[in-house]
Protein backbone atom coordinates (compact mmCIF):
# COMPACT_ATOMS: atom_id res chain seq x y z
CA UNK A 1 -0.02 0.01 -0.08
CA UNK A 2 2.82 2.33 0.97
CA UNK A 3 4.29 1.97 -2.56
CA UNK A 4 0.94 2.57 -4.49
CA UNK A 5 0.29 5.61 -2.50
CA UNK A 6 3.83 7.02 -2.90
CA UNK A 7 3.56 6.66 -6.54
CA UNK A 8 0.13 7.99 -6.76
CA UNK A 9 1.29 11.10 -5.06
CA UNK A 10 4.54 11.29 -6.69
CA UNK A 11 2.62 11.52 -10.06
CA UNK A 12 0.20 14.05 -8.66
CA UNK A 13 3.02 16.09 -7.37
CA UNK A 14 4.85 16.15 -10.79
CA UNK A 15 1.61 17.37 -12.35
CA UNK A 16 1.05 20.27 -9.67
CA UNK A 17 4.96 21.01 -10.45
CA UNK A 18 4.44 21.13 -13.98
CA UNK A 19 1.27 22.58 -14.26
CA UNK A 20 0.85 25.24 -11.61
CA UNK A 21 4.66 25.95 -11.10
CA UNK A 22 4.53 24.92 -7.38
CA UNK A 23 7.59 22.95 -6.13
CA UNK A 24 5.39 20.32 -4.79
CA UNK A 25 7.92 17.51 -4.91
CA UNK A 26 9.91 19.49 -2.01
CA UNK A 27 6.77 20.35 -0.15
CA UNK A 28 4.78 18.51 2.57
CA UNK A 29 1.07 17.99 2.14
CA UNK A 30 0.39 21.02 4.33
CA UNK A 31 2.49 23.32 2.35
CA UNK A 32 1.03 22.37 -1.02
CA UNK A 33 -2.36 23.00 0.27
CA UNK A 34 -1.43 26.22 1.70
CA UNK A 35 -0.20 27.12 -1.66
CA UNK A 36 -3.45 26.52 -3.26
CA UNK A 37 -5.51 28.19 -0.20
CA UNK A 38 -3.19 31.27 -0.67
CA UNK A 39 -3.82 31.58 -4.46
CA UNK A 40 -7.76 30.48 -4.66
CA UNK A 41 -7.74 31.41 -8.32
CA UNK A 42 -5.75 28.14 -9.30
CA UNK A 43 -7.96 25.68 -8.08
CA UNK A 44 -11.96 25.65 -7.62
CA UNK A 45 -13.32 23.85 -4.58
CA UNK A 46 -13.96 20.66 -5.61
CA UNK A 47 -10.59 20.17 -7.25
CA UNK A 48 -8.82 21.59 -3.85
CA UNK A 49 -10.97 18.92 -1.84
CA UNK A 50 -10.13 16.07 -4.16
CA UNK A 51 -6.39 16.85 -3.97
CA UNK A 52 -6.50 17.32 0.03
CA UNK A 53 -8.40 13.87 -0.02
CA UNK A 54 -5.80 12.18 -1.84
CA UNK A 55 -2.47 13.53 -0.23
CA UNK A 56 -3.85 13.14 3.35
CA UNK A 57 -4.93 9.69 3.05
CA UNK A 58 -1.68 8.88 1.44
CA UNK A 59 0.16 10.48 4.15
CA UNK A 60 -1.71 8.43 6.87
CA UNK A 61 -0.89 5.23 4.80
CA UNK A 62 2.63 5.95 4.09
CA UNK A 63 3.55 7.69 7.74
CA UNK A 64 0.86 6.30 10.15
CA UNK A 65 0.68 2.77 8.30
CA UNK A 66 -3.08 3.00 8.09
CA UNK A 67 -4.54 0.20 6.11
CA UNK A 68 -7.04 1.81 3.60
CA UNK A 69 -10.28 -0.06 2.53
CA UNK A 70 -9.91 -1.34 -1.15
CA UNK A 71 -12.58 1.39 -1.91
CA UNK A 72 -10.28 4.02 -0.74
CA UNK A 73 -7.74 2.85 -3.12
CA UNK A 74 -9.70 3.02 -6.00
CA UNK A 75 -11.40 6.32 -4.86
CA UNK A 76 -7.82 7.84 -4.63
CA UNK A 77 -6.83 6.80 -8.08
CA UNK A 78 -10.19 8.13 -9.30
CA UNK A 79 -9.74 11.38 -7.51
CA UNK A 80 -6.09 12.02 -9.17
CA UNK A 81 -7.58 11.35 -12.50
CA UNK A 82 -10.44 13.64 -12.12
CA UNK A 83 -8.12 16.33 -10.66
CA UNK A 84 -5.92 16.43 -13.48
CA UNK A 85 -9.05 16.15 -16.01
CA UNK A 86 -10.51 19.37 -14.33
CA UNK A 87 -7.30 21.34 -14.02
CA UNK A 88 -5.50 20.66 -17.11
CA UNK A 89 -5.17 23.34 -19.84
CA UNK A 90 -7.09 22.64 -23.00
CA UNK A 91 -5.22 23.36 -25.90
CA UNK A 92 -7.54 25.09 -28.80
CA UNK A 93 -6.78 23.98 -32.26
CA UNK A 94 -8.39 26.01 -35.01
CA UNK A 95 -10.45 23.53 -37.45
CA UNK A 96 -9.41 23.18 -41.04
CA UNK A 97 -10.70 25.75 -43.15
CA UNK A 98 -13.49 24.21 -45.44
CA UNK A 99 -13.22 24.15 -49.05
CA UNK A 100 -15.31 27.15 -49.72
CA UNK A 101 -13.04 29.08 -47.16
CA UNK A 102 -9.67 28.15 -48.46
CA UNK A 103 -7.79 30.78 -50.41
CA UNK A 104 -7.27 30.14 -54.08
CA UNK A 105 -10.41 28.07 -54.62
CA UNK A 106 -12.40 31.10 -56.31
CA UNK A 107 -9.22 31.33 -58.80
CA UNK A 108 -9.44 27.80 -59.67
CA UNK A 109 -12.86 27.89 -60.54
CA UNK A 110 -12.13 31.19 -62.43
CA UNK A 111 -9.82 29.57 -64.88
CA UNK A 112 -11.77 26.49 -65.35
CA UNK A 113 -14.71 28.65 -66.46
CA UNK A 114 -12.55 30.70 -68.83
CA UNK A 115 -10.86 27.46 -70.51
CA UNK A 116 -14.25 26.05 -71.26
CA UNK A 117 -15.26 29.40 -72.92
CA UNK A 118 -12.02 29.35 -75.35
C-alpha cells in the first residue's frame, strides 16, 4: 500500500509542479495545500477537496501505517484522474478551413470557366 500511495502522490506532485509551477516534490502536503489556499484562483473548491483527500490519505498510509479500505484505493486513483481532468489546460486548435473558405478556390473556378469558353 505504501508504494501504491507513494507512486500516486509522486505523479500528482509532478503534475502540480508542471501545471501550476508549485514546487510540490519538495513540499509537505500542508505546504502544497497552503499554496493553493493562498491563491484561490488556481483551483476550484471541488479540485482542492479532491487533492486534499488524496494527499492526506496517502500521508496516513505512508507515515501512520494506516491500512485503507479497497474502495479507498480506487477512490484515490479516480480522484487523482479527476483532479488532472478538471485542472489541465485545454489546447484550442483551429479547425481546418472548409473547401469554400480556402484561399485560391475561386481562382481555380475562374480559370476552369475561362478555359471552357476558349
